[in-house]
C-alpha atoms as a PDB file:
ATOM      1  CA  MET A   1      30.730 107.872 -21.699  1.00  0.00           C
ATOM      2  CA  LYS A   2      29.063 107.129 -25.051  1.00  0.00           C
ATOM      3  CA  LEU A   3      31.668 104.395 -25.693  1.00  0.00           C
ATOM      4  CA  LEU A   4      30.771 102.775 -22.356  1.00  0.00           C
ATOM      5  CA  ASN A   5      27.050 102.927 -23.139  1.00  0.00           C
ATOM      6  CA  ARG A   6      27.523 101.340 -26.603  1.00  0.00           C
ATOM      7  CA  HIS A   7      29.715  98.651 -25.194  1.00  0.00           C
ATOM      8  CA  THR A   8      27.177  97.886 -22.441  1.00  0.00           C
ATOM      9  CA  ARG A   9      24.306  97.835 -24.959  1.00  0.00           C
ATOM     10  CA  GLY A  10      26.244  95.133 -27.123  1.00  0.00           C
ATOM     11  CA  THR A  11      26.859  92.798 -24.059  1.00  0.00           C
ATOM     12  CA  PRO A  12      23.998  90.634 -22.675  1.00  0.00           C
ATOM     13  CA  SER A  13      23.138  91.718 -19.211  1.00  0.00           C
ATOM     14  CA  LEU A  14      23.593  89.590 -16.124  1.00  0.00           C
ATOM     15  CA  LYS A  15      19.826  89.580 -15.808  1.00  0.00           C
ATOM     16  CA  ARG A  16      19.482  88.236 -19.296  1.00  0.00           C
ATOM     17  CA  TRP A  17      21.864  85.455 -18.494  1.00  0.00           C
ATOM     18  CA  GLY A  18      20.108  84.745 -15.343  1.00  0.00           C
ATOM     19  CA  PHE A  19      16.823  84.262 -17.099  1.00  0.00           C
ATOM     20  CA  ARG A  20      18.352  81.975 -19.655  1.00  0.00           C
ATOM     21  CA  PHE A  21      19.976  79.837 -16.900  1.00  0.00           C
ATOM     22  CA  LEU A  22      16.741  79.690 -15.045  1.00  0.00           C
ATOM     23  CA  GLY A  23      14.841  78.704 -18.138  1.00  0.00           C
ATOM     24  CA  VAL A  24      17.489  75.807 -18.975  1.00  0.00           C
ATOM     25  CA  PHE A  25      17.260  74.648 -15.276  1.00  0.00           C
ATOM     26  CA  ILE A  26      13.436  74.639 -15.282  1.00  0.00           C
ATOM     27  CA  LEU A  27      13.410  72.623 -18.622  1.00  0.00           C
ATOM     28  CA  GLY A  28      16.079  70.337 -17.316  1.00  0.00           C
ATOM     29  CA  LEU A  29      14.116  69.659 -14.102  1.00  0.00           C
ATOM     30  CA  ALA A  30      10.880  69.267 -16.087  1.00  0.00           C
ATOM     31  CA  GLY A  31      12.647  66.707 -18.371  1.00  0.00           C
ATOM     32  CA  LEU A  32      14.103  64.776 -15.458  1.00  0.00           C
ATOM     33  CA  ASN A  33      10.717  64.584 -13.738  1.00  0.00           C
ATOM     34  CA  VAL A  34       9.096  63.186 -17.007  1.00  0.00           C
ATOM     35  CA  LEU A  35      11.851  60.644 -17.305  1.00  0.00           C
ATOM     36  CA  ALA A  36      11.302  59.650 -13.570  1.00  0.00           C
ATOM     37  CA  PHE A  37       7.725  59.283 -14.155  1.00  0.00           C
ATOM     38  CA  LEU A  38       8.124  56.992 -17.178  1.00  0.00           C
ATOM     39  CA  HIS A  39      10.844  54.920 -15.454  1.00  0.00           C
ATOM     40  CA  ALA A  40       8.564  54.496 -12.389  1.00  0.00           C
ATOM     41  CA  ARG A  41       5.716  53.257 -14.694  1.00  0.00           C
ATOM     42  CA  SER A  42       7.926  50.930 -16.621  1.00  0.00           C
ATOM     43  CA  MET A  43       9.510  49.417 -13.479  1.00  0.00           C
ATOM     44  CA  THR A  44       6.028  48.786 -12.031  1.00  0.00           C
ATOM     45  CA  HIS A  45       3.984  47.535 -14.954  1.00  0.00           C
ATOM     46  CA  PHE A  46       4.563  43.987 -16.376  1.00  0.00           C
ATOM     47  CA  ARG A  47       4.162  43.769 -20.230  1.00  0.00           C
ATOM     48  CA  ARG A  48       3.784  40.707 -22.526  1.00  0.00           C
ATOM     49  CA  ASP A  49       5.932  40.058 -25.594  1.00  0.00           C
ATOM     50  CA  VAL A  50       8.965  41.977 -24.396  1.00  0.00           C
ATOM     51  CA  THR A  51      12.458  40.931 -23.552  1.00  0.00           C
ATOM     52  CA  ARG A  52      13.630  41.662 -19.986  1.00  0.00           C
ATOM     53  CA  THR A  53      16.215  44.295 -19.875  1.00  0.00           C
ATOM     54  CA  LEU A  54      19.630  42.912 -18.823  1.00  0.00           C
ATOM     55  CA  PRO A  55      20.978  43.621 -15.217  1.00  0.00           C
ATOM     56  CA  PRO A  56      22.918  46.918 -15.190  1.00  0.00           C
ATOM     57  CA  GLU A  57      26.318  45.084 -14.906  1.00  0.00           C
ATOM     58  CA  GLU A  58      25.685  43.274 -18.113  1.00  0.00           C
ATOM     59  CA  LEU A  59      24.774  46.385 -20.253  1.00  0.00           C
ATOM     60  CA  SER A  60      27.049  48.127 -22.635  1.00  0.00           C
ATOM     61  CA  TRP A  61      27.372  52.055 -22.216  1.00  0.00           C
ATOM     62  CA  VAL A  62      25.194  52.457 -25.252  1.00  0.00           C
ATOM     63  CA  GLN A  63      22.509  50.041 -23.835  1.00  0.00           C
ATOM     64  CA  LYS A  64      22.793  51.911 -20.405  1.00  0.00           C
ATOM     65  CA  GLY A  65      22.078  55.132 -22.342  1.00  0.00           C
ATOM     66  CA  THR A  66      19.055  53.641 -24.074  1.00  0.00           C
ATOM     67  CA  VAL A  67      17.709  52.394 -20.857  1.00  0.00           C
ATOM     68  CA  LEU A  68      18.108  55.755 -19.111  1.00  0.00           C
ATOM     69  CA  LEU A  69      16.078  57.365 -21.861  1.00  0.00           C
ATOM     70  CA  THR A  70      13.466  54.838 -22.471  1.00  0.00           C
ATOM     71  CA  GLY A  71      13.173  52.850 -19.171  1.00  0.00           C
ATOM     72  CA  VAL A  72      13.376  49.149 -18.567  1.00  0.00           C
ATOM     73  CA  SER A  73      11.428  46.307 -20.168  1.00  0.00           C
ATOM     74  CA  LEU A  74       9.654  44.160 -17.619  1.00  0.00           C
ATOM     75  CA  PRO A  75       7.904  41.071 -19.003  1.00  0.00           C
ATOM     76  CA  ARG A  76       5.369  39.493 -16.899  1.00  0.00           C
ATOM     77  CA  PRO A  77       7.019  36.659 -14.811  1.00  0.00           C
ATOM     78  CA  GLU A  78       5.575  33.460 -15.792  1.00  0.00           C
ATOM     79  CA  SER A  79       6.442  29.676 -16.022  1.00  0.00           C
ATOM     80  CA  ALA A  80       5.311  26.578 -17.756  1.00  0.00           C
ATOM     81  CA  LEU A  81       6.195  24.312 -14.873  1.00  0.00           C
ATOM     82  CA  GLU A  82       3.392  22.289 -13.328  1.00  0.00           C
ATOM     83  CA  PRO A  83       2.855  21.760  -9.527  1.00  0.00           C
ATOM     84  CA  GLU A  84       4.417  18.174  -9.884  1.00  0.00           C
ATOM     85  CA  SER A  85       7.741  19.804 -10.462  1.00  0.00           C
ATOM     86  CA  LEU A  86       7.933  20.604  -6.796  1.00  0.00           C
ATOM     87  CA  HIS A  87       6.446  17.446  -5.339  1.00  0.00           C
ATOM     88  CA  PRO A  88       4.200  14.694  -6.546  1.00  0.00           C
ATOM     89  CA  ASP A  89       1.596  15.535  -3.942  1.00  0.00           C
ATOM     90  CA  CYS A  90       1.709  19.266  -4.610  1.00  0.00           C
ATOM     91  CA  GLU A  91      -1.755  21.051  -4.913  1.00  0.00           C
ATOM     92  CA  GLU A  92      -2.473  24.260  -6.706  1.00  0.00           C
ATOM     93  CA  ARG A  93      -4.499  26.703  -4.580  1.00  0.00           C
ATOM     94  CA  PHE A  94      -6.031  30.185  -5.520  1.00  0.00           C
ATOM     95  CA  ILE A  95      -6.526  32.656  -2.786  1.00  0.00           C
ATOM     96  CA  SER A  96      -8.976  35.422  -3.439  1.00  0.00           C
ATOM     97  CA  GLY A  97      -9.648  38.705  -1.652  1.00  0.00           C
ATOM     98  CA  ASP A  98      -8.926  42.556  -1.710  1.00  0.00           C
ATOM     99  CA  ASN A  99      -9.783  42.453  -5.428  1.00  0.00           C
ATOM    100  CA  VAL A 100      -6.832  40.182  -6.281  1.00  0.00           C
ATOM    101  CA  THR A 101      -6.467  36.389  -6.759  1.00  0.00           C
ATOM    102  CA  LEU A 102      -3.197  34.794  -5.866  1.00  0.00           C
ATOM    103  CA  ALA A 103      -1.892  31.457  -7.223  1.00  0.00           C
ATOM    104  CA  ALA A 104      -0.103  29.161  -4.807  1.00  0.00           C
ATOM    105  CA  TRP A 105       1.430  25.770  -4.676  1.00  0.00           C
ATOM    106  CA  TRP A 106       1.152  23.799  -1.291  1.00  0.00           C
ATOM    107  CA  VAL A 107       2.662  20.546  -0.190  1.00  0.00           C
ATOM    108  CA  GLY A 108       1.340  19.476   3.041  1.00  0.00           C
ATOM    109  CA  LEU A 109       3.252  17.073   5.265  1.00  0.00           C
ATOM    110  CA  GLY A 110       0.799  17.027   8.046  1.00  0.00           C
ATOM    111  CA  GLY A 111      -0.806  19.640  10.334  1.00  0.00           C
ATOM    112  CA  GLU A 112       1.639  18.647  13.101  1.00  0.00           C
ATOM    113  CA  ARG A 113       4.462  19.991  11.009  1.00  0.00           C
ATOM    114  CA  PRO A 114       5.468  23.675  10.528  1.00  0.00           C
ATOM    115  CA  LEU A 115       4.440  25.324   7.226  1.00  0.00           C
ATOM    116  CA  VAL A 116       6.889  27.687   5.431  1.00  0.00           C
ATOM    117  CA  VAL A 117       5.233  30.078   2.999  1.00  0.00           C
ATOM    118  CA  TRP A 118       7.672  31.460   0.473  1.00  0.00           C
ATOM    119  CA  PHE A 119       7.465  34.832  -1.415  1.00  0.00           C
ATOM    120  CA  HIS A 120       9.541  35.678  -4.367  1.00  0.00           C
ATOM    121  CA  GLY A 121      11.490  38.816  -5.300  1.00  0.00           C
ATOM    122  CA  TYR A 122      10.942  41.738  -7.636  1.00  0.00           C
ATOM    123  CA  GLY A 123      10.278  40.654 -11.307  1.00  0.00           C
ATOM    124  CA  SER A 124      10.153  37.066 -10.357  1.00  0.00           C
ATOM    125  CA  GLN A 125       7.485  34.336  -9.609  1.00  0.00           C
ATOM    126  CA  LYS A 126       7.075  31.228  -7.375  1.00  0.00           C
ATOM    127  CA  THR A 127       8.936  28.661  -9.458  1.00  0.00           C
ATOM    128  CA  SER A 128      12.078  30.598  -8.881  1.00  0.00           C
ATOM    129  CA  LEU A 129      12.046  29.289  -5.391  1.00  0.00           C
ATOM    130  CA  LEU A 130      11.626  25.584  -6.203  1.00  0.00           C
ATOM    131  CA  LYS A 131      15.059  24.568  -4.903  1.00  0.00           C
ATOM    132  CA  GLN A 132      14.579  26.431  -1.572  1.00  0.00           C
ATOM    133  CA  ALA A 133      11.075  24.839  -1.284  1.00  0.00           C
ATOM    134  CA  SER A 134      12.450  21.338  -1.960  1.00  0.00           C
ATOM    135  CA  ALA A 135      15.193  21.792   0.531  1.00  0.00           C
ATOM    136  CA  MET A 136      12.579  22.675   3.182  1.00  0.00           C
ATOM    137  CA  ILE A 137      10.336  19.560   2.312  1.00  0.00           C
ATOM    138  CA  GLU A 138      13.590  17.524   2.821  1.00  0.00           C
ATOM    139  CA  GLU A 139      13.634  18.988   6.321  1.00  0.00           C
ATOM    140  CA  GLY A 140      10.212  17.571   6.975  1.00  0.00           C
ATOM    141  CA  VAL A 141       8.182  20.748   6.830  1.00  0.00           C
ATOM    142  CA  SER A 142       5.251  21.687   4.674  1.00  0.00           C
ATOM    143  CA  VAL A 143       5.709  24.368   2.012  1.00  0.00           C
ATOM    144  CA  MET A 144       3.687  26.858   0.181  1.00  0.00           C
ATOM    145  CA  LEU A 145       4.990  28.980  -2.818  1.00  0.00           C
ATOM    146  CA  VAL A 146       2.998  32.180  -3.618  1.00  0.00           C
ATOM    147  CA  ASP A 147       2.898  34.396  -6.674  1.00  0.00           C
ATOM    148  CA  PHE A 148       2.433  37.867  -5.796  1.00  0.00           C
ATOM    149  CA  ARG A 149      -0.131  40.037  -7.638  1.00  0.00           C
ATOM    150  CA  GLY A 150       1.025  40.491 -11.294  1.00  0.00           C
ATOM    151  CA  SER A 151       3.161  37.355 -11.296  1.00  0.00           C
ATOM    152  CA  GLY A 152       2.798  33.735 -12.440  1.00  0.00           C
ATOM    153  CA  GLY A 153      -0.776  32.568 -12.082  1.00  0.00           C
ATOM    154  CA  SER A 154      -1.966  35.556  -9.992  1.00  0.00           C
ATOM    155  CA  SER A 155      -4.186  38.264 -11.251  1.00  0.00           C
ATOM    156  CA  GLU A 156      -3.180  41.930 -12.029  1.00  0.00           C
ATOM    157  CA  SER A 157      -0.120  43.005 -14.091  1.00  0.00           C
ATOM    158  CA  TYR A 158       1.825  45.293 -11.798  1.00  0.00           C
ATOM    159  CA  THR A 159       4.259  45.327  -8.796  1.00  0.00           C
ATOM    160  CA  THR A 160       4.836  47.991  -6.126  1.00  0.00           C
ATOM    161  CA  MET A 161       8.129  46.832  -4.655  1.00  0.00           C
ATOM    162  CA  GLY A 162       6.607  45.281  -1.603  1.00  0.00           C
ATOM    163  CA  VAL A 163       3.939  47.749  -0.743  1.00  0.00           C
ATOM    164  CA  LYS A 164       0.687  46.333  -1.852  1.00  0.00           C
ATOM    165  CA  GLU A 165       2.394  42.921  -1.794  1.00  0.00           C
ATOM    166  CA  ALA A 166       2.407  43.261   2.032  1.00  0.00           C
ATOM    167  CA  GLU A 167      -1.413  42.989   1.580  1.00  0.00           C
ATOM    168  CA  ASP A 168      -0.873  39.761  -0.244  1.00  0.00           C
ATOM    169  CA  VAL A 169       1.053  38.474   2.579  1.00  0.00           C
ATOM    170  CA  ARG A 170      -1.679  39.205   4.887  1.00  0.00           C
ATOM    171  CA  LEU A 171      -4.299  37.628   2.546  1.00  0.00           C
ATOM    172  CA  VAL A 172      -2.293  34.403   2.419  1.00  0.00           C
ATOM    173  CA  VAL A 173      -1.756  34.183   6.171  1.00  0.00           C
ATOM    174  CA  ALA A 174      -5.518  34.715   6.802  1.00  0.00           C
ATOM    175  CA  TYR A 175      -6.080  31.890   4.299  1.00  0.00           C
ATOM    176  CA  VAL A 176      -3.550  29.497   5.781  1.00  0.00           C
ATOM    177  CA  ARG A 177      -4.812  29.993   9.317  1.00  0.00           C
ATOM    178  CA  GLU A 178      -8.419  29.144   8.261  1.00  0.00           C
ATOM    179  CA  HIS A 179      -7.937  26.387   5.701  1.00  0.00           C
ATOM    180  CA  LEU A 180      -4.428  24.905   6.288  1.00  0.00           C
ATOM    181  CA  PRO A 181      -3.668  24.973   9.935  1.00  0.00           C
ATOM    182  CA  HIS A 182      -0.232  23.771  11.000  1.00  0.00           C
ATOM    183  CA  SER A 183       1.691  23.706  14.322  1.00  0.00           C
ATOM    184  CA  HIS A 184       3.850  26.649  13.342  1.00  0.00           C
ATOM    185  CA  LEU A 185       3.531  29.225  10.466  1.00  0.00           C
ATOM    186  CA  ILE A 186       6.840  30.633   9.039  1.00  0.00           C
ATOM    187  CA  LEU A 187       7.104  33.282   6.415  1.00  0.00           C
ATOM    188  CA  ALA A 188      10.181  33.232   4.157  1.00  0.00           C
ATOM    189  CA  GLY A 189      10.971  35.783   1.429  1.00  0.00           C
ATOM    190  CA  THR A 190      13.715  37.067  -0.961  1.00  0.00           C
ATOM    191  CA  SER A 191      14.410  40.603  -1.589  1.00  0.00           C
ATOM    192  CA  MET A 192      11.046  42.278  -2.199  1.00  0.00           C
ATOM    193  CA  GLY A 193       9.500  39.295  -0.735  1.00  0.00           C
ATOM    194  CA  GLY A 194      11.327  39.815   2.557  1.00  0.00           C
ATOM    195  CA  ALA A 195      10.488  43.451   2.483  1.00  0.00           C
ATOM    196  CA  ALA A 196       6.690  42.633   1.960  1.00  0.00           C
ATOM    197  CA  ILE A 197       6.766  40.311   4.871  1.00  0.00           C
ATOM    198  CA  LEU A 198       8.342  42.795   7.286  1.00  0.00           C
ATOM    199  CA  ARG A 199       5.850  45.421   6.053  1.00  0.00           C
ATOM    200  CA  ALA A 200       2.953  42.945   6.640  1.00  0.00           C
ATOM    201  CA  ILE A 201       4.112  42.332  10.121  1.00  0.00           C
ATOM    202  CA  SER A 202       4.476  46.157  10.904  1.00  0.00           C
ATOM    203  CA  GLU A 203       1.638  47.644   8.884  1.00  0.00           C
ATOM    204  CA  GLU A 204      -0.838  44.909   8.288  1.00  0.00           C
ATOM    205  CA  GLY A 205      -0.843  43.262  11.758  1.00  0.00           C
ATOM    206  CA  VAL A 206       0.464  39.932  10.673  1.00  0.00           C
ATOM    207  CA  GLU A 207       1.529  37.541  13.374  1.00  0.00           C
ATOM    208  CA  VAL A 208       3.565  34.336  12.724  1.00  0.00           C
ATOM    209  CA  GLU A 209       5.814  31.983  14.444  1.00  0.00           C
ATOM    210  CA  GLY A 210       8.996  32.786  12.577  1.00  0.00           C
ATOM    211  CA  VAL A 211      10.403  34.612   9.529  1.00  0.00           C
ATOM    212  CA  LEU A 212      13.198  33.905   7.080  1.00  0.00           C
ATOM    213  CA  ILE A 213      14.501  36.859   5.100  1.00  0.00           C
ATOM    214  CA  GLN A 214      17.025  36.665   2.272  1.00  0.00           C
ATOM    215  CA  ALA A 215      18.737  39.628   0.697  1.00  0.00           C
ATOM    216  CA  VAL A 216      16.424  42.343   1.908  1.00  0.00           C
ATOM    217  CA  PHE A 217      16.995  46.010   1.406  1.00  0.00           C
ATOM    218  CA  ASP A 218      16.667  48.607   4.169  1.00  0.00           C
ATOM    219  CA  SER A 219      14.616  51.242   2.323  1.00  0.00           C
ATOM    220  CA  LEU A 220      13.116  51.677  -1.060  1.00  0.00           C
ATOM    221  CA  VAL A 221      15.201  54.994  -1.587  1.00  0.00           C
ATOM    222  CA  VAL A 222      18.520  53.115  -0.815  1.00  0.00           C
ATOM    223  CA  THR A 223      18.009  50.209  -3.066  1.00  0.00           C
ATOM    224  CA  THR A 224      16.895  52.636  -5.821  1.00  0.00           C
ATOM    225  CA  ARG A 225      20.092  54.481  -5.447  1.00  0.00           C
ATOM    226  CA  ASN A 226      22.029  51.257  -5.756  1.00  0.00           C
ATOM    227  CA  ARG A 227      20.432  50.696  -9.133  1.00  0.00           C
ATOM    228  CA  PHE A 228      21.657  53.983 -10.449  1.00  0.00           C
ATOM    229  CA  ARG A 229      25.150  53.443  -9.102  1.00  0.00           C
ATOM    230  CA  ALA A 230      25.147  50.055 -10.900  1.00  0.00           C
ATOM    231  CA  MET A 231      24.355  51.975 -14.025  1.00  0.00           C
ATOM    232  CA  GLY A 232      27.371  54.201 -13.428  1.00  0.00           C
ATOM    233  CA  VAL A 233      25.435  57.401 -13.073  1.00  0.00           C
ATOM    234  CA  PRO A 234      24.797  59.702 -10.181  1.00  0.00           C
ATOM    235  CA  SER A 235      21.864  58.586  -8.020  1.00  0.00           C
ATOM    236  CA  PHE A 236      20.709  62.041  -6.728  1.00  0.00           C
ATOM    237  CA  PRO A 237      18.149  63.311  -7.492  1.00  0.00           C
ATOM    238  CA  SER A 238      17.137  60.495  -9.916  1.00  0.00           C
ATOM    239  CA  ALA A 239      16.475  57.989  -7.232  1.00  0.00           C
ATOM    240  CA  GLU A 240      14.427  60.310  -5.051  1.00  0.00           C
ATOM    241  CA  LEU A 241      12.355  61.461  -8.109  1.00  0.00           C
ATOM    242  CA  LEU A 242      11.703  57.898  -9.023  1.00  0.00           C
ATOM    243  CA  VAL A 243      10.547  56.827  -5.640  1.00  0.00           C
ATOM    244  CA  PHE A 244       8.239  59.953  -5.506  1.00  0.00           C
ATOM    245  CA  TRP A 245       6.658  59.422  -8.726  1.00  0.00           C
ATOM    246  CA  GLY A 246       6.240  55.660  -8.176  1.00  0.00           C
ATOM    247  CA  GLY A 247       4.373  56.518  -4.976  1.00  0.00           C
ATOM    248  CA  ILE A 248       2.278  59.031  -6.732  1.00  0.00           C
ATOM    249  CA  GLN A 249       1.241  56.515  -9.370  1.00  0.00           C
ATOM    250  CA  TRP A 250       0.295  53.915  -6.765  1.00  0.00           C
ATOM    251  CA  GLY A 251      -0.882  56.060  -3.881  1.00  0.00           C
ATOM    252  CA  TYR A 252       1.686  55.436  -1.281  1.00  0.00           C
ATOM    253  CA  ASN A 253       4.598  57.266   0.297  1.00  0.00           C
ATOM    254  CA  GLY A 254       7.700  55.527  -1.096  1.00  0.00           C
ATOM    255  CA  PHE A 255       9.891  57.333   1.318  1.00  0.00           C
ATOM    256  CA  ARG A 256       8.220  55.441   4.184  1.00  0.00           C
ATOM    257  CA  HIS A 257       8.733  51.990   2.695  1.00  0.00           C
ATOM    258  CA  ASN A 258      11.509  51.021   4.951  1.00  0.00           C
ATOM    259  CA  PRO A 259      12.178  47.443   6.056  1.00  0.00           C
ATOM    260  CA  ALA A 260      14.558  48.656   8.732  1.00  0.00           C
ATOM    261  CA  ARG A 261      11.628  50.457  10.323  1.00  0.00           C
ATOM    262  CA  PHE A 262       9.106  47.550   9.891  1.00  0.00           C
ATOM    263  CA  ALA A 263      11.663  45.234  11.506  1.00  0.00           C
ATOM    264  CA  GLU A 264      11.040  46.778  14.809  1.00  0.00           C
ATOM    265  CA  LYS A 265       7.730  44.864  15.098  1.00  0.00           C
ATOM    266  CA  VAL A 266       9.306  41.476  14.566  1.00  0.00           C
ATOM    267  CA  ASN A 267       9.087  39.559  17.925  1.00  0.00           C
ATOM    268  CA  CYS A 268       9.212  36.085  16.623  1.00  0.00           C
ATOM    269  CA  PRO A 269      12.397  34.086  15.723  1.00  0.00           C
ATOM    270  CA  ALA A 270      14.022  35.606  12.647  1.00  0.00           C
ATOM    271  CA  LEU A 271      16.729  34.289  10.282  1.00  0.00           C
ATOM    272  CA  PHE A 272      18.339  36.699   7.937  1.00  0.00           C
ATOM    273  CA  LEU A 273      20.442  35.218   4.994  1.00  0.00           C
ATOM    274  CA  HIS A 274      22.605  37.636   2.974  1.00  0.00           C
ATOM    275  CA  GLY A 275      25.353  37.784   0.429  1.00  0.00           C
ATOM    276  CA  LYS A 276      28.194  39.955   1.547  1.00  0.00           C
ATOM    277  CA  ARG A 277      28.913  41.123  -1.959  1.00  0.00           C
ATOM    278  CA  ASP A 278      25.262  41.895  -2.832  1.00  0.00           C
ATOM    279  CA  PRO A 279      25.172  45.223  -4.937  1.00  0.00           C
ATOM    280  CA  ARG A 280      21.302  45.592  -4.761  1.00  0.00           C
ATOM    281  CA  ALA A 281      20.972  45.251  -0.981  1.00  0.00           C
ATOM    282  CA  THR A 282      24.258  45.688   0.625  1.00  0.00           C
ATOM    283  CA  TRP A 283      25.753  44.015   3.765  1.00  0.00           C
ATOM    284  CA  GLU A 284      25.480  47.351   5.581  1.00  0.00           C
ATOM    285  CA  GLU A 285      21.789  47.503   4.704  1.00  0.00           C
ATOM    286  CA  VAL A 286      20.808  44.125   6.101  1.00  0.00           C
ATOM    287  CA  ASN A 287      22.894  44.983   9.271  1.00  0.00           C
ATOM    288  CA  ARG A 288      20.644  48.033   9.614  1.00  0.00           C
ATOM    289  CA  VAL A 289      17.439  45.877   9.279  1.00  0.00           C
ATOM    290  CA  PHE A 290      18.846  43.229  11.667  1.00  0.00           C
ATOM    291  CA  ALA A 291      19.720  45.731  14.314  1.00  0.00           C
ATOM    292  CA  GLN A 292      16.037  46.799  14.634  1.00  0.00           C
ATOM    293  CA  VAL A 293      14.521  43.214  15.306  1.00  0.00           C
ATOM    294  CA  PRO A 294      13.740  43.000  19.044  1.00  0.00           C
ATOM    295  CA  GLY A 295      13.013  39.246  19.066  1.00  0.00           C
ATOM    296  CA  PRO A 296      15.426  36.274  18.788  1.00  0.00           C
ATOM    297  CA  LYS A 297      17.535  36.659  15.640  1.00  0.00           C
ATOM    298  CA  THR A 298      20.189  35.333  13.620  1.00  0.00           C
ATOM    299  CA  LEU A 299      22.239  36.831  10.669  1.00  0.00           C
ATOM    300  CA  VAL A 300      24.232  34.669   8.498  1.00  0.00           C
ATOM    301  CA  GLY A 301      26.552  36.110   5.764  1.00  0.00           C
ATOM    302  CA  PHE A 302      27.687  34.405   2.461  1.00  0.00           C
ATOM    303  CA  ALA A 303      31.095  35.836   1.753  1.00  0.00           C
ATOM    304  CA  ASP A 304      31.250  35.517  -1.989  1.00  0.00           C
ATOM    305  CA  SER A 305      27.708  35.864  -2.834  1.00  0.00           C
ATOM    306  CA  GLY A 306      25.706  38.726  -4.482  1.00  0.00           C
ATOM    307  CA  HIS A 307      22.022  39.090  -5.188  1.00  0.00           C
ATOM    308  CA  GLU A 308      21.304  35.523  -6.036  1.00  0.00           C
ATOM    309  CA  SER A 309      20.347  32.042  -4.749  1.00  0.00           C
ATOM    310  CA  LEU A 310      22.422  31.595  -1.503  1.00  0.00           C
ATOM    311  CA  LEU A 311      21.493  27.959  -1.547  1.00  0.00           C
ATOM    312  CA  ALA A 312      23.080  27.438  -4.886  1.00  0.00           C
ATOM    313  CA  ARG A 313      26.131  29.285  -3.841  1.00  0.00           C
ATOM    314  CA  ASP A 314      26.745  27.392  -0.492  1.00  0.00           C
ATOM    315  CA  PRO A 315      24.289  24.553  -0.057  1.00  0.00           C
ATOM    316  CA  GLU A 316      25.748  23.168   3.175  1.00  0.00           C
ATOM    317  CA  LYS A 317      25.893  26.585   4.913  1.00  0.00           C
ATOM    318  CA  TRP A 318      22.190  27.468   3.714  1.00  0.00           C
ATOM    319  CA  ARG A 319      20.780  24.133   4.885  1.00  0.00           C
ATOM    320  CA  LYS A 320      22.596  24.214   8.270  1.00  0.00           C
ATOM    321  CA  SER A 321      21.370  27.708   8.971  1.00  0.00           C
ATOM    322  CA  VAL A 322      17.737  26.812   8.021  1.00  0.00           C
ATOM    323  CA  ARG A 323      17.784  23.640  10.015  1.00  0.00           C
ATOM    324  CA  VAL A 324      18.920  25.396  13.182  1.00  0.00           C
ATOM    325  CA  PHE A 325      16.358  28.094  12.686  1.00  0.00           C
ATOM    326  CA  LEU A 326      13.566  25.548  12.323  1.00  0.00           C
ATOM    327  CA  GLU A 327      14.464  23.920  15.450  1.00  0.00           C
ATOM    328  CA  GLN A 328      14.522  27.398  17.095  1.00  0.00           C
ATOM    329  CA  VAL A 329      10.901  28.070  15.897  1.00  0.00           C
ATOM    330  CA  GLN A 330       9.634  24.925  17.139  1.00  0.00           C
ATOM    331  CA  THR A 331      11.388  24.934  20.519  1.00  0.00           C
ATOM    332  CA  PRO A 332      11.402  28.742  21.469  1.00  0.00           C
ATOM    333  CA  ALA A 333      14.143  29.746  24.078  1.00  0.00           C
ATOM    334  CA  ASP A 334      15.325  32.972  25.557  1.00  0.00           C
ATOM    335  CA  PRO A 335      15.960  35.731  22.951  1.00  0.00           C
ATOM    336  CA  GLU A 336      19.439  35.191  21.295  1.00  0.00           C
ATOM    337  CA  VAL A 337      21.352  37.238  18.904  1.00  0.00           C
ATOM    338  CA  VAL A 338      23.865  35.401  16.553  1.00  0.00           C
ATOM    339  CA  VAL A 339      25.641  37.494  13.977  1.00  0.00           C
ATOM    340  CA  GLU A 340      28.122  35.814  11.587  1.00  0.00           C
ATOM    341  CA  LYS A 341      30.535  38.377  10.040  1.00  0.00           C
END
């Protein structure tokens, strides 16, 4: 009996091991939350004089480890190009309201023509859409390119993945309706720009005659998971924590930032263009968004394209799809669903 007692006293009890495990778990969870908080901040705040972190696919394992520990570097998206780089008659406009000022370029071909207002993606700015805008002008429609808050010539220094950017969309639409009336108003957006448009229609009450959406994700959580997978690390619970802390920092519920849900309010003609090999916003995701649109809609897939310029990948297919869409907007017919798989 004494031997047993000595042996028992010399061995850590299960309770002691339990406390140790609990302590390690709590410290690990706290550390993960701190990292998620810092990552959320670095991904939503633009900085000057920094070099942008490479896409996950281009990082070495050492670089990936560094990014996971320190967060990404996100320089403020800017361009030295002048309005004339789009068109000789391009005008610069500044749209103010809601405590922000948005910079825009406008090429007007006459009020009897449609106006397509373009919104860029995450970490980008309006001149990234010059080729798309030029293609639209060649189709005979007016064009406006807009810098979201924090980008290009606009005020602020942050981004919210399309949440507050939806307010920018509403502000621009109100400005256009008052100052630049056209026969038809069409909103076009890439990735985050598309998400902001869908959110503006659903949550901000924006009404337009058509929407053109490229490379859109179905929810903020899913697209965040995709980024972790691209880094080669498990997405759970890191993606959920990142979305949670990003929402806390900016005062919104990131788990409800879901373009698939917003799409339920799109009753105007809608064209979705998407790369079938897109790792950021997958083909399955855009199909979930597309399925929720109740109005006339078309989904066109680009077989060998990723999260990139679809116009550059397949100019003929892009231009044909857009031309048919513009005709549909100007001569509305009965609701029709076209899916190219």
